[in-house]
Amino acid sequence: MPDQTTPTPQPKNPLHGLTLQTLIEDLVSYYGWEEMAARIPVRCFTHEPSIKSSLAFLRKTPWAREQVEALYLFTLRATRGGGEG
């Protein structure tokens, strides 16, 4: 009987193994809070932004988390010279 707690390997998923905190930290390092707020205009980025407040909001707001993940993937492709193809 297979162990159902073992995660399925996802070698082609660039988000696999990354925490939400890592995504936010990388994006803020690359764009800064002001540009993050311009790209994803949510309060946790526009008013007194912090990693902690962003994590709290994004963990309970799936649509906003999806936007952060999409921006991360876009940035990853752009900085790697066009991505896969």
PDB file of N, CA and C in Angstrom:
ATOM      1  N   MET A   1       0.854  -1.180   0.000  1.00  0.00           N
ATOM      2  CA  MET A   1       0.000   0.000   0.000  1.00  0.00           C
ATOM      3  C   MET A   1       0.902   1.246   0.000  1.00  0.00           C
ATOM      4  N   PRO A   2       0.715   2.166  -0.965  1.00  0.00           N
ATOM      5  CA  PRO A   2       1.567   3.354  -1.042  1.00  0.00           C
ATOM      6  C   PRO A   2       1.312   4.314   0.118  1.00  0.00           C
ATOM      7  N   ASP A   3       2.362   5.001   0.522  1.00  0.00           N
ATOM      8  CA  ASP A   3       2.269   6.001   1.584  1.00  0.00           C
ATOM      9  C   ASP A   3       1.610   7.250   1.021  1.00  0.00           C
ATOM     10  N   GLN A   4       0.443   7.604   1.532  1.00  0.00           N
ATOM     11  CA  GLN A   4      -0.309   8.728   0.981  1.00  0.00           C
ATOM     12  C   GLN A   4       0.168  10.067   1.503  1.00  0.00           C
ATOM     13  N   THR A   5       1.115  10.102   2.433  1.00  0.00           N
ATOM     14  CA  THR A   5       1.619  11.372   2.938  1.00  0.00           C
ATOM     15  C   THR A   5       2.848  11.844   2.170  1.00  0.00           C
ATOM     16  N   THR A   6       3.442  10.973   1.360  1.00  0.00           N
ATOM     17  CA  THR A   6       4.604  11.352   0.575  1.00  0.00           C
ATOM     18  C   THR A   6       4.163  12.173  -0.624  1.00  0.00           C
ATOM     19  N   PRO A   7       4.701  13.403  -0.767  1.00  0.00           N
ATOM     20  CA  PRO A   7       4.295  14.226  -1.911  1.00  0.00           C
ATOM     21  C   PRO A   7       4.777  13.639  -3.224  1.00  0.00           C
ATOM     22  N   THR A   8       3.993  13.853  -4.260  1.00  0.00           N
ATOM     23  CA  THR A   8       4.348  13.397  -5.591  1.00  0.00           C
ATOM     24  C   THR A   8       5.440  14.299  -6.147  1.00  0.00           C
ATOM     25  N   PRO A   9       6.528  13.733  -6.659  1.00  0.00           N
ATOM     26  CA  PRO A   9       7.573  14.575  -7.254  1.00  0.00           C
ATOM     27  C   PRO A   9       7.019  15.380  -8.424  1.00  0.00           C
ATOM     28  N   GLN A  10       7.446  16.633  -8.523  1.00  0.00           N
ATOM     29  CA  GLN A  10       6.974  17.521  -9.585  1.00  0.00           C
ATOM     30  C   GLN A  10       8.176  18.223 -10.217  1.00  0.00           C
ATOM     31  N   PRO A  11       8.990  17.483 -10.956  1.00  0.00           N
ATOM     32  CA  PRO A  11      10.237  18.068 -11.470  1.00  0.00           C
ATOM     33  C   PRO A  11      10.041  19.235 -12.433  1.00  0.00           C
ATOM     34  N   LYS A  12       8.899  19.336 -13.085  1.00  0.00           N
ATOM     35  CA  LYS A  12       8.688  20.417 -14.047  1.00  0.00           C
ATOM     36  C   LYS A  12       7.933  21.604 -13.444  1.00  0.00           C
ATOM     37  N   ASN A  13       7.576  21.524 -12.182  1.00  0.00           N
ATOM     38  CA  ASN A  13       6.866  22.610 -11.520  1.00  0.00           C
ATOM     39  C   ASN A  13       7.878  23.509 -10.808  1.00  0.00           C
ATOM     40  N   PRO A  14       8.118  24.726 -11.325  1.00  0.00           N
ATOM     41  CA  PRO A  14       9.128  25.604 -10.720  1.00  0.00           C
ATOM     42  C   PRO A  14       8.753  26.098  -9.327  1.00  0.00           C
ATOM     43  N   LEU A  15       7.484  25.959  -8.936  1.00  0.00           N
ATOM     44  CA  LEU A  15       7.073  26.372  -7.597  1.00  0.00           C
ATOM     45  C   LEU A  15       7.204  25.255  -6.569  1.00  0.00           C
ATOM     46  N   HIS A  16       7.418  24.038  -7.042  1.00  0.00           N
ATOM     47  CA  HIS A  16       7.498  22.893  -6.141  1.00  0.00           C
ATOM     48  C   HIS A  16       8.646  23.067  -5.154  1.00  0.00           C
ATOM     49  N   GLY A  17       8.333  22.936  -3.886  1.00  0.00           N
ATOM     50  CA  GLY A  17       9.348  23.022  -2.847  1.00  0.00           C
ATOM     51  C   GLY A  17       9.618  24.440  -2.354  1.00  0.00           C
ATOM     52  N   LEU A  18       9.005  25.440  -2.983  1.00  0.00           N
ATOM     53  CA  LEU A  18       9.193  26.819  -2.546  1.00  0.00           C
ATOM     54  C   LEU A  18       8.065  27.216  -1.599  1.00  0.00           C
ATOM     55  N   THR A  19       8.411  27.932  -0.543  1.00  0.00           N
ATOM     56  CA  THR A  19       7.389  28.418   0.366  1.00  0.00           C
ATOM     57  C   THR A  19       6.860  29.752  -0.138  1.00  0.00           C
ATOM     58  N   LEU A  20       5.686  30.109   0.338  1.00  0.00           N
ATOM     59  CA  LEU A  20       5.108  31.405  -0.008  1.00  0.00           C
ATOM     60  C   LEU A  20       6.039  32.523   0.465  1.00  0.00           C
ATOM     61  N   GLN A  21       6.652  32.334   1.610  1.00  0.00           N
ATOM     62  CA  GLN A  21       7.577  33.343   2.121  1.00  0.00           C
ATOM     63  C   GLN A  21       8.751  33.548   1.166  1.00  0.00           C
ATOM     64  N   THR A  22       9.275  32.475   0.622  1.00  0.00           N
ATOM     65  CA  THR A  22      10.377  32.577  -0.341  1.00  0.00           C
ATOM     66  C   THR A  22       9.944  33.341  -1.582  1.00  0.00           C
ATOM     67  N   LEU A  23       8.744  33.062  -2.078  1.00  0.00           N
ATOM     68  CA  LEU A  23       8.240  33.771  -3.251  1.00  0.00           C
ATOM     69  C   LEU A  23       8.165  35.270  -2.978  1.00  0.00           C
ATOM     70  N   ILE A  24       7.575  35.637  -1.852  1.00  0.00           N
ATOM     71  CA  ILE A  24       7.431  37.054  -1.521  1.00  0.00           C
ATOM     72  C   ILE A  24       8.800  37.709  -1.352  1.00  0.00           C
ATOM     73  N   GLU A  25       9.684  37.060  -0.616  1.00  0.00           N
ATOM     74  CA  GLU A  25      11.017  37.633  -0.395  1.00  0.00           C
ATOM     75  C   GLU A  25      11.765  37.831  -1.707  1.00  0.00           C
ATOM     76  N   ASP A  26      11.694  36.851  -2.594  1.00  0.00           N
ATOM     77  CA  ASP A  26      12.368  36.971  -3.889  1.00  0.00           C
ATOM     78  C   ASP A  26      11.772  38.097  -4.733  1.00  0.00           C
ATOM     79  N   LEU A  27      10.444  38.186  -4.749  1.00  0.00           N
ATOM     80  CA  LEU A  27       9.791  39.225  -5.539  1.00  0.00           C
ATOM     81  C   LEU A  27      10.083  40.615  -4.988  1.00  0.00           C
ATOM     82  N   VAL A  28      10.055  40.761  -3.674  1.00  0.00           N
ATOM     83  CA  VAL A  28      10.345  42.066  -3.068  1.00  0.00           C
ATOM     84  C   VAL A  28      11.801  42.441  -3.310  1.00  0.00           C
ATOM     85  N   SER A  29      12.670  41.460  -3.260  1.00  0.00           N
ATOM     86  CA  SER A  29      14.083  41.715  -3.529  1.00  0.00           C
ATOM     87  C   SER A  29      14.274  42.186  -4.973  1.00  0.00           C
ATOM     88  N   TYR A  30      13.528  41.615  -5.892  1.00  0.00           N
ATOM     89  CA  TYR A  30      13.658  41.940  -7.307  1.00  0.00           C
ATOM     90  C   TYR A  30      12.943  43.249  -7.661  1.00  0.00           C
ATOM     91  N   TYR A  31      11.678  43.402  -7.207  1.00  0.00           N
ATOM     92  CA  TYR A  31      10.852  44.540  -7.592  1.00  0.00           C
ATOM     93  C   TYR A  31      10.805  45.663  -6.563  1.00  0.00           C
ATOM     94  N   GLY A  32      10.869  45.311  -5.293  1.00  0.00           N
ATOM     95  CA  GLY A  32      10.608  46.292  -4.236  1.00  0.00           C
ATOM     96  C   GLY A  32       9.118  46.358  -3.954  1.00  0.00           C
ATOM     97  N   TRP A  33       8.762  46.880  -2.780  1.00  0.00           N
ATOM     98  CA  TRP A  33       7.355  46.919  -2.386  1.00  0.00           C
ATOM     99  C   TRP A  33       6.517  47.805  -3.304  1.00  0.00           C
ATOM    100  N   GLU A  34       7.069  48.935  -3.722  1.00  0.00           N
ATOM    101  CA  GLU A  34       6.302  49.868  -4.547  1.00  0.00           C
ATOM    102  C   GLU A  34       5.887  49.239  -5.882  1.00  0.00           C
ATOM    103  N   GLU A  35       6.822  48.569  -6.529  1.00  0.00           N
ATOM    104  CA  GLU A  35       6.514  47.909  -7.803  1.00  0.00           C
ATOM    105  C   GLU A  35       5.592  46.710  -7.587  1.00  0.00           C
ATOM    106  N   MET A  36       5.771  45.998  -6.479  1.00  0.00           N
ATOM    107  CA  MET A  36       4.861  44.888  -6.162  1.00  0.00           C
ATOM    108  C   MET A  36       3.427  45.411  -6.046  1.00  0.00           C
ATOM    109  N   ALA A  37       3.271  46.550  -5.354  1.00  0.00           N
ATOM    110  CA  ALA A  37       1.940  47.144  -5.181  1.00  0.00           C
ATOM    111  C   ALA A  37       1.359  47.595  -6.515  1.00  0.00           C
ATOM    112  N   ALA A  38       2.206  48.068  -7.407  1.00  0.00           N
ATOM    113  CA  ALA A  38       1.728  48.487  -8.728  1.00  0.00           C
ATOM    114  C   ALA A  38       1.280  47.281  -9.553  1.00  0.00           C
ATOM    115  N   ARG A  39       1.991  46.187  -9.432  1.00  0.00           N
ATOM    116  CA  ARG A  39       1.668  44.981 -10.210  1.00  0.00           C
ATOM    117  C   ARG A  39       0.513  44.183  -9.612  1.00  0.00           C
ATOM    118  N   ILE A  40       0.447  44.145  -8.280  1.00  0.00           N
ATOM    119  CA  ILE A  40      -0.624  43.432  -7.581  1.00  0.00           C
ATOM    120  C   ILE A  40      -1.152  44.379  -6.503  1.00  0.00           C
ATOM    121  N   PRO A  41      -2.154  45.193  -6.839  1.00  0.00           N
ATOM    122  CA  PRO A  41      -2.604  46.234  -5.909  1.00  0.00           C
ATOM    123  C   PRO A  41      -3.495  45.702  -4.776  1.00  0.00           C
ATOM    124  N   VAL A  42      -2.867  45.096  -3.803  1.00  0.00           N
ATOM    125  CA  VAL A  42      -3.575  44.634  -2.609  1.00  0.00           C
ATOM    126  C   VAL A  42      -2.990  45.367  -1.406  1.00  0.00           C
ATOM    127  N   ARG A  43      -3.796  45.550  -0.396  1.00  0.00           N
ATOM    128  CA  ARG A  43      -3.424  46.361   0.756  1.00  0.00           C
ATOM    129  C   ARG A  43      -2.126  45.899   1.430  1.00  0.00           C
ATOM    130  N   CYS A  44      -1.899  44.604   1.481  1.00  0.00           N
ATOM    131  CA  CYS A  44      -0.682  44.117   2.162  1.00  0.00           C
ATOM    132  C   CYS A  44       0.588  44.560   1.442  1.00  0.00           C
ATOM    133  N   PHE A  45       0.467  45.007   0.184  1.00  0.00           N
ATOM    134  CA  PHE A  45       1.622  45.530  -0.559  1.00  0.00           C
ATOM    135  C   PHE A  45       1.609  47.059  -0.614  1.00  0.00           C
ATOM    136  N   THR A  46       0.440  47.671  -0.455  1.00  0.00           N
ATOM    137  CA  THR A  46       0.324  49.112  -0.644  1.00  0.00           C
ATOM    138  C   THR A  46       0.403  49.921   0.644  1.00  0.00           C
ATOM    139  N   HIS A  47       0.006  49.367   1.778  1.00  0.00           N
ATOM    140  CA  HIS A  47      -0.047  50.099   3.049  1.00  0.00           C
ATOM    141  C   HIS A  47       0.807  49.405   4.106  1.00  0.00           C
ATOM    142  N   GLU A  48       1.913  50.024   4.457  1.00  0.00           N
ATOM    143  CA  GLU A  48       2.838  49.480   5.452  1.00  0.00           C
ATOM    144  C   GLU A  48       3.157  48.006   5.168  1.00  0.00           C
ATOM    145  N   PRO A  49       3.706  47.727   4.009  1.00  0.00           N
ATOM    146  CA  PRO A  49       3.959  46.334   3.622  1.00  0.00           C
ATOM    147  C   PRO A  49       5.024  45.677   4.488  1.00  0.00           C
ATOM    148  N   SER A  50       4.831  44.388   4.706  1.00  0.00           N
ATOM    149  CA  SER A  50       5.822  43.568   5.401  1.00  0.00           C
ATOM    150  C   SER A  50       5.624  42.122   4.954  1.00  0.00           C
ATOM    151  N   ILE A  51       6.654  41.342   5.153  1.00  0.00           N
ATOM    152  CA  ILE A  51       6.551  39.919   4.823  1.00  0.00           C
ATOM    153  C   ILE A  51       5.443  39.277   5.664  1.00  0.00           C
ATOM    154  N   LYS A  52       5.421  39.599   6.947  1.00  0.00           N
ATOM    155  CA  LYS A  52       4.446  38.995   7.858  1.00  0.00           C
ATOM    156  C   LYS A  52       3.009  39.302   7.447  1.00  0.00           C
ATOM    157  N   SER A  53       2.717  40.585   7.158  1.00  0.00           N
ATOM    158  CA  SER A  53       1.340  40.934   6.781  1.00  0.00           C
ATOM    159  C   SER A  53       0.972  40.317   5.430  1.00  0.00           C
ATOM    160  N   SER A  54       1.935  40.250   4.531  1.00  0.00           N
ATOM    161  CA  SER A  54       1.683  39.651   3.223  1.00  0.00           C
ATOM    162  C   SER A  54       1.379  38.167   3.349  1.00  0.00           C
ATOM    163  N   LEU A  55       2.154  37.472   4.172  1.00  0.00           N
ATOM    164  CA  LEU A  55       1.911  36.046   4.374  1.00  0.00           C
ATOM    165  C   LEU A  55       0.519  35.808   4.953  1.00  0.00           C
ATOM    166  N   ALA A  56       0.142  36.594   5.955  1.00  0.00           N
ATOM    167  CA  ALA A  56      -1.168  36.425   6.585  1.00  0.00           C
ATOM    168  C   ALA A  56      -2.286  36.613   5.559  1.00  0.00           C
ATOM    169  N   PHE A  57      -2.199  37.655   4.748  1.00  0.00           N
ATOM    170  CA  PHE A  57      -3.230  37.925   3.749  1.00  0.00           C
ATOM    171  C   PHE A  57      -3.253  36.867   2.657  1.00  0.00           C
ATOM    172  N   LEU A  58      -2.099  36.552   2.108  1.00  0.00           N
ATOM    173  CA  LEU A  58      -2.037  35.636   0.967  1.00  0.00           C
ATOM    174  C   LEU A  58      -2.424  34.209   1.336  1.00  0.00           C
ATOM    175  N   ARG A  59      -2.166  33.814   2.563  1.00  0.00           N
ATOM    176  CA  ARG A  59      -2.542  32.459   2.997  1.00  0.00           C
ATOM    177  C   ARG A  59      -4.049  32.272   3.067  1.00  0.00           C
ATOM    178  N   LYS A  60      -4.794  33.364   3.265  1.00  0.00           N
ATOM    179  CA  LYS A  60      -6.251  33.227   3.354  1.00  0.00           C
ATOM    180  C   LYS A  60      -6.984  33.802   2.140  1.00  0.00           C
ATOM    181  N   THR A  61      -6.227  34.217   1.118  1.00  0.00           N
ATOM    182  CA  THR A  61      -6.839  34.822  -0.066  1.00  0.00           C
ATOM    183  C   THR A  61      -6.280  34.152  -1.324  1.00  0.00           C
ATOM    184  N   PRO A  62      -6.908  33.050  -1.739  1.00  0.00           N
ATOM    185  CA  PRO A  62      -6.370  32.266  -2.863  1.00  0.00           C
ATOM    186  C   PRO A  62      -6.165  33.060  -4.152  1.00  0.00           C
ATOM    187  N   TRP A  63      -7.082  33.955  -4.503  1.00  0.00           N
ATOM    188  CA  TRP A  63      -6.938  34.690  -5.768  1.00  0.00           C
ATOM    189  C   TRP A  63      -5.695  35.585  -5.742  1.00  0.00           C
ATOM    190  N   ALA A  64      -5.385  36.169  -4.595  1.00  0.00           N
ATOM    191  CA  ALA A  64      -4.203  37.021  -4.493  1.00  0.00           C
ATOM    192  C   ALA A  64      -2.931  36.176  -4.517  1.00  0.00           C
ATOM    193  N   ARG A  65      -2.981  35.036  -3.865  1.00  0.00           N
ATOM    194  CA  ARG A  65      -1.826  34.136  -3.875  1.00  0.00           C
ATOM    195  C   ARG A  65      -1.536  33.672  -5.300  1.00  0.00           C
ATOM    196  N   GLU A  66      -2.576  33.387  -6.064  1.00  0.00           N
ATOM    197  CA  GLU A  66      -2.395  32.976  -7.462  1.00  0.00           C
ATOM    198  C   GLU A  66      -1.709  34.079  -8.263  1.00  0.00           C
ATOM    199  N   GLN A  67      -2.046  35.333  -7.978  1.00  0.00           N
ATOM    200  CA  GLN A  67      -1.404  36.445  -8.683  1.00  0.00           C
ATOM    201  C   GLN A  67       0.074  36.545  -8.323  1.00  0.00           C
ATOM    202  N   VAL A  68       0.398  36.314  -7.059  1.00  0.00           N
ATOM    203  CA  VAL A  68       1.798  36.337  -6.625  1.00  0.00           C
ATOM    204  C   VAL A  68       2.565  35.199  -7.298  1.00  0.00           C
ATOM    205  N   GLU A  69       1.969  34.017  -7.331  1.00  0.00           N
ATOM    206  CA  GLU A  69       2.616  32.877  -7.980  1.00  0.00           C
ATOM    207  C   GLU A  69       2.813  33.142  -9.472  1.00  0.00           C
ATOM    208  N   ALA A  70       1.814  33.736 -10.117  1.00  0.00           N
ATOM    209  CA  ALA A  70       1.917  34.047 -11.546  1.00  0.00           C
ATOM    210  C   ALA A  70       3.025  35.079 -11.787  1.00  0.00           C
ATOM    211  N   LEU A  71       3.117  36.085 -10.945  1.00  0.00           N
ATOM    212  CA  LEU A  71       4.176  37.087 -11.094  1.00  0.00           C
ATOM    213  C   LEU A  71       5.542  36.447 -10.880  1.00  0.00           C
ATOM    214  N   TYR A  72       5.636  35.538  -9.926  1.00  0.00           N
ATOM    215  CA  TYR A  72       6.892  34.846  -9.671  1.00  0.00           C
ATOM    216  C   TYR A  72       7.312  34.039 -10.908  1.00  0.00           C
ATOM    217  N   LEU A  73       6.372  33.305 -11.483  1.00  0.00           N
ATOM    218  CA  LEU A  73       6.671  32.494 -12.673  1.00  0.00           C
ATOM    219  C   LEU A  73       7.057  33.377 -13.852  1.00  0.00           C
ATOM    220  N   PHE A  74       6.341  34.488 -14.038  1.00  0.00           N
ATOM    221  CA  PHE A  74       6.664  35.437 -15.104  1.00  0.00           C
ATOM    222  C   PHE A  74       8.076  35.967 -14.926  1.00  0.00           C
ATOM    223  N   THR A  75       8.396  36.358 -13.704  1.00  0.00           N
ATOM    224  CA  THR A  75       9.716  36.909 -13.405  1.00  0.00           C
ATOM    225  C   THR A  75      10.797  35.857 -13.602  1.00  0.00           C
ATOM    226  N   LEU A  76      10.519  34.638 -13.200  1.00  0.00           N
ATOM    227  CA  LEU A  76      11.469  33.543 -13.366  1.00  0.00           C
ATOM    228  C   LEU A  76      11.769  33.309 -14.839  1.00  0.00           C
ATOM    229  N   ARG A  77      10.727  33.286 -15.667  1.00  0.00           N
ATOM    230  CA  ARG A  77      10.923  33.100 -17.108  1.00  0.00           C
ATOM    231  C   ARG A  77      11.692  34.269 -17.712  1.00  0.00           C
ATOM    232  N   ALA A  78      11.342  35.489 -17.298  1.00  0.00           N
ATOM    233  CA  ALA A  78      11.980  36.684 -17.855  1.00  0.00           C
ATOM    234  C   ALA A  78      13.456  36.754 -17.483  1.00  0.00           C
ATOM    235  N   THR A  79      13.797  36.372 -16.281  1.00  0.00           N
ATOM    236  CA  THR A  79      15.189  36.465 -15.845  1.00  0.00           C
ATOM    237  C   THR A  79      16.026  35.291 -16.345  1.00  0.00           C
ATOM    238  N   ARG A  80      15.383  34.251 -16.794  1.00  0.00           N
ATOM    239  CA  ARG A  80      16.104  33.100 -17.346  1.00  0.00           C
ATOM    240  C   ARG A  80      16.187  33.152 -18.867  1.00  0.00           C
ATOM    241  N   GLY A  81      15.758  34.249 -19.443  1.00  0.00           N
ATOM    242  CA  GLY A  81      15.890  34.428 -20.889  1.00  0.00           C
ATOM    243  C   GLY A  81      14.844  33.739 -21.731  1.00  0.00           C
ATOM    244  N   GLY A  82      13.597  33.811 -21.299  1.00  0.00           N
ATOM    245  CA  GLY A  82      12.522  33.284 -22.155  1.00  0.00           C
ATOM    246  C   GLY A  82      11.928  31.979 -21.698  1.00  0.00           C
ATOM    247  N   GLY A  83      12.543  31.315 -20.761  1.00  0.00           N
ATOM    248  CA  GLY A  83      11.949  30.107 -20.189  1.00  0.00           C
ATOM    249  C   GLY A  83      12.025  28.914 -21.105  1.00  0.00           C
ATOM    250  N   GLU A  84      11.066  27.988 -20.879  1.00  0.00           N
ATOM    251  CA  GLU A  84      11.054  26.734 -21.620  1.00  0.00           C
ATOM    252  C   GLU A  84      10.381  26.928 -22.966  1.00  0.00           C
ATOM    253  N   GLY A  85      10.708  26.088 -23.875  1.00  0.00           N
ATOM    254  CA  GLY A  85      10.022  26.254 -25.134  1.00  0.00           C
ATOM    255  C   GLY A  85      10.418  25.237 -26.067  1.00  0.00           C
TER     256      GLY A  85
END
